[in-house]
Amino acid sequence: MKTAILKLNINQAQIIKTLCFAIVLTILSYIYMVNAVAFNVASRQDAVNLSSVLSSHISDLELVAREKSAEVNREMAYEMGLTVDAEDEKIFVLRNQNTRLTFNE
């Protein structure tokens, strides 16, 4: 009975080169990922800072809007065409198709 032995022609130098290439590729991938994470954290921090600045600006604008809304009276609303006269002294301030603001004006 003859036994066939499978002989593989393995070149050890080629295996070492392949493993070294894989190690270098892994290291470069790791460096890229760490840099990507660092840049994303920095950009997120910038976005958080910008968000807080915008939130502060919006709250300032809301305060101005509240102050201006206290100045609105019946005569001003009538001059701007925003009131509808009712029989019982109630004032309705409205904005319809005829009184809306557009960019074409």
Protein backbone atom coordinates (compact mmCIF):
# COMPACT_ATOMS: atom_id res chain seq x y z
CA MET A 1 0.00 0.00 0.00
CA LYS A 2 1.42 3.31 -1.08
CA THR A 3 0.72 6.47 0.78
CA ALA A 4 0.81 9.72 -1.10
CA ILE A 5 2.33 12.54 0.84
CA LEU A 6 1.17 15.99 -0.03
CA LYS A 7 4.17 18.21 -0.22
CA LEU A 8 3.42 21.89 -0.16
CA ASN A 9 5.95 24.18 -1.62
CA ILE A 10 5.82 26.88 1.05
CA ASN A 11 8.12 29.79 0.73
CA GLN A 12 8.82 31.10 4.22
CA ALA A 13 10.08 34.46 2.97
CA GLN A 14 6.78 35.10 1.19
CA ILE A 15 4.81 34.29 4.36
CA ILE A 16 6.96 36.66 6.42
CA LYS A 17 6.47 39.46 3.86
CA THR A 18 2.71 38.90 3.87
CA LEU A 19 2.53 38.96 7.68
CA CYS A 20 4.65 42.12 7.84
CA PHE A 21 2.40 43.79 5.26
CA ALA A 22 -0.68 42.80 7.28
CA ILE A 23 0.84 44.19 10.49
CA VAL A 24 1.77 47.49 8.81
CA LEU A 25 -1.70 47.75 7.29
CA THR A 26 -3.28 47.12 10.70
CA ILE A 27 -1.12 49.79 12.36
CA LEU A 28 -1.95 52.36 9.67
CA SER A 29 -5.65 51.56 9.98
CA TYR A 30 -5.46 52.03 13.74
CA ILE A 31 -3.73 55.41 13.37
CA TYR A 32 -6.35 56.52 10.84
CA MET A 33 -9.22 55.49 13.12
CA VAL A 34 -7.74 57.26 16.16
CA ASN A 35 -7.28 60.46 14.13
CA ALA A 36 -10.82 60.22 12.77
CA VAL A 37 -12.21 59.85 16.28
CA ALA A 38 -10.16 62.82 17.52
CA PHE A 39 -11.33 65.07 14.69
CA ASN A 40 -14.97 64.00 15.20
CA VAL A 41 -14.77 64.79 18.91
CA ALA A 42 -13.32 68.21 18.14
CA SER A 43 -16.00 69.00 15.56
CA ARG A 44 -18.71 67.83 17.97
CA GLN A 45 -17.33 70.15 20.64
CA ASP A 46 -17.46 73.03 18.14
CA ALA A 47 -21.07 72.15 17.34
CA VAL A 48 -21.98 72.11 21.05
CA ASN A 49 -20.38 75.53 21.52
CA LEU A 50 -22.20 76.93 18.50
CA SER A 51 -25.46 75.44 19.76
CA SER A 52 -25.09 77.20 23.11
CA VAL A 53 -24.33 80.52 21.38
CA LEU A 54 -27.38 80.15 19.13
CA SER A 55 -29.57 79.21 22.08
CA SER A 56 -28.45 82.34 23.90
CA HIS A 57 -29.14 84.46 20.82
CA ILE A 58 -32.61 82.95 20.44
CA SER A 59 -33.45 83.66 24.08
CA ASP A 60 -32.36 87.30 23.56
CA LEU A 61 -34.64 87.54 20.53
CA GLU A 62 -37.53 86.04 22.50
CA LEU A 63 -37.03 88.68 25.19
CA VAL A 64 -37.11 91.43 22.55
CA ALA A 65 -40.27 89.91 21.05
CA ARG A 66 -41.98 89.89 24.47
CA GLU A 67 -41.04 93.51 25.03
CA LYS A 68 -42.36 94.49 21.60
CA SER A 69 -45.60 92.54 22.06
CA ALA A 70 -46.40 94.68 25.09
CA GLU A 71 -46.33 97.75 22.83
CA VAL A 72 -49.06 96.45 20.48
CA ASN A 73 -52.33 98.24 21.08
CA ARG A 74 -55.66 98.53 19.33
CA GLU A 75 -54.74 101.60 17.24
CA MET A 76 -51.49 100.06 15.96
CA ALA A 77 -53.26 96.85 15.02
CA TYR A 78 -56.00 98.80 13.24
CA GLU A 79 -53.41 100.86 11.30
CA MET A 80 -51.71 97.68 10.12
CA GLY A 81 -55.01 96.12 9.10
CA LEU A 82 -54.79 93.31 11.58
CA THR A 83 -58.04 93.86 13.50
CA VAL A 84 -61.58 92.85 12.85
CA ASP A 85 -64.23 95.03 14.46
CA ALA A 86 -66.74 93.11 16.48
CA GLU A 87 -70.01 94.34 17.92
CA ASP A 88 -69.01 93.61 21.50
CA GLU A 89 -65.70 95.43 22.23
CA LYS A 90 -63.60 92.27 21.72
CA ILE A 91 -60.51 92.72 19.59
CA PHE A 92 -59.38 90.01 17.22
CA VAL A 93 -55.88 90.38 15.81
CA LEU A 94 -55.35 88.25 12.76
CA ARG A 95 -53.16 87.82 9.77
CA ASN A 96 -54.75 86.55 6.60
CA GLN A 97 -53.77 86.26 2.94
CA ASN A 98 -54.03 90.03 2.38
CA THR A 99 -51.83 91.09 5.31
CA ARG A 100 -49.02 88.54 5.16
CA LEU A 101 -45.46 89.66 4.55
CA THR A 102 -43.64 88.50 1.46
CA PHE A 103 -40.20 89.05 0.02
CA ASN A 104 -41.65 90.78 -3.04
CA GLU A 105 -42.82 93.85 -1.17
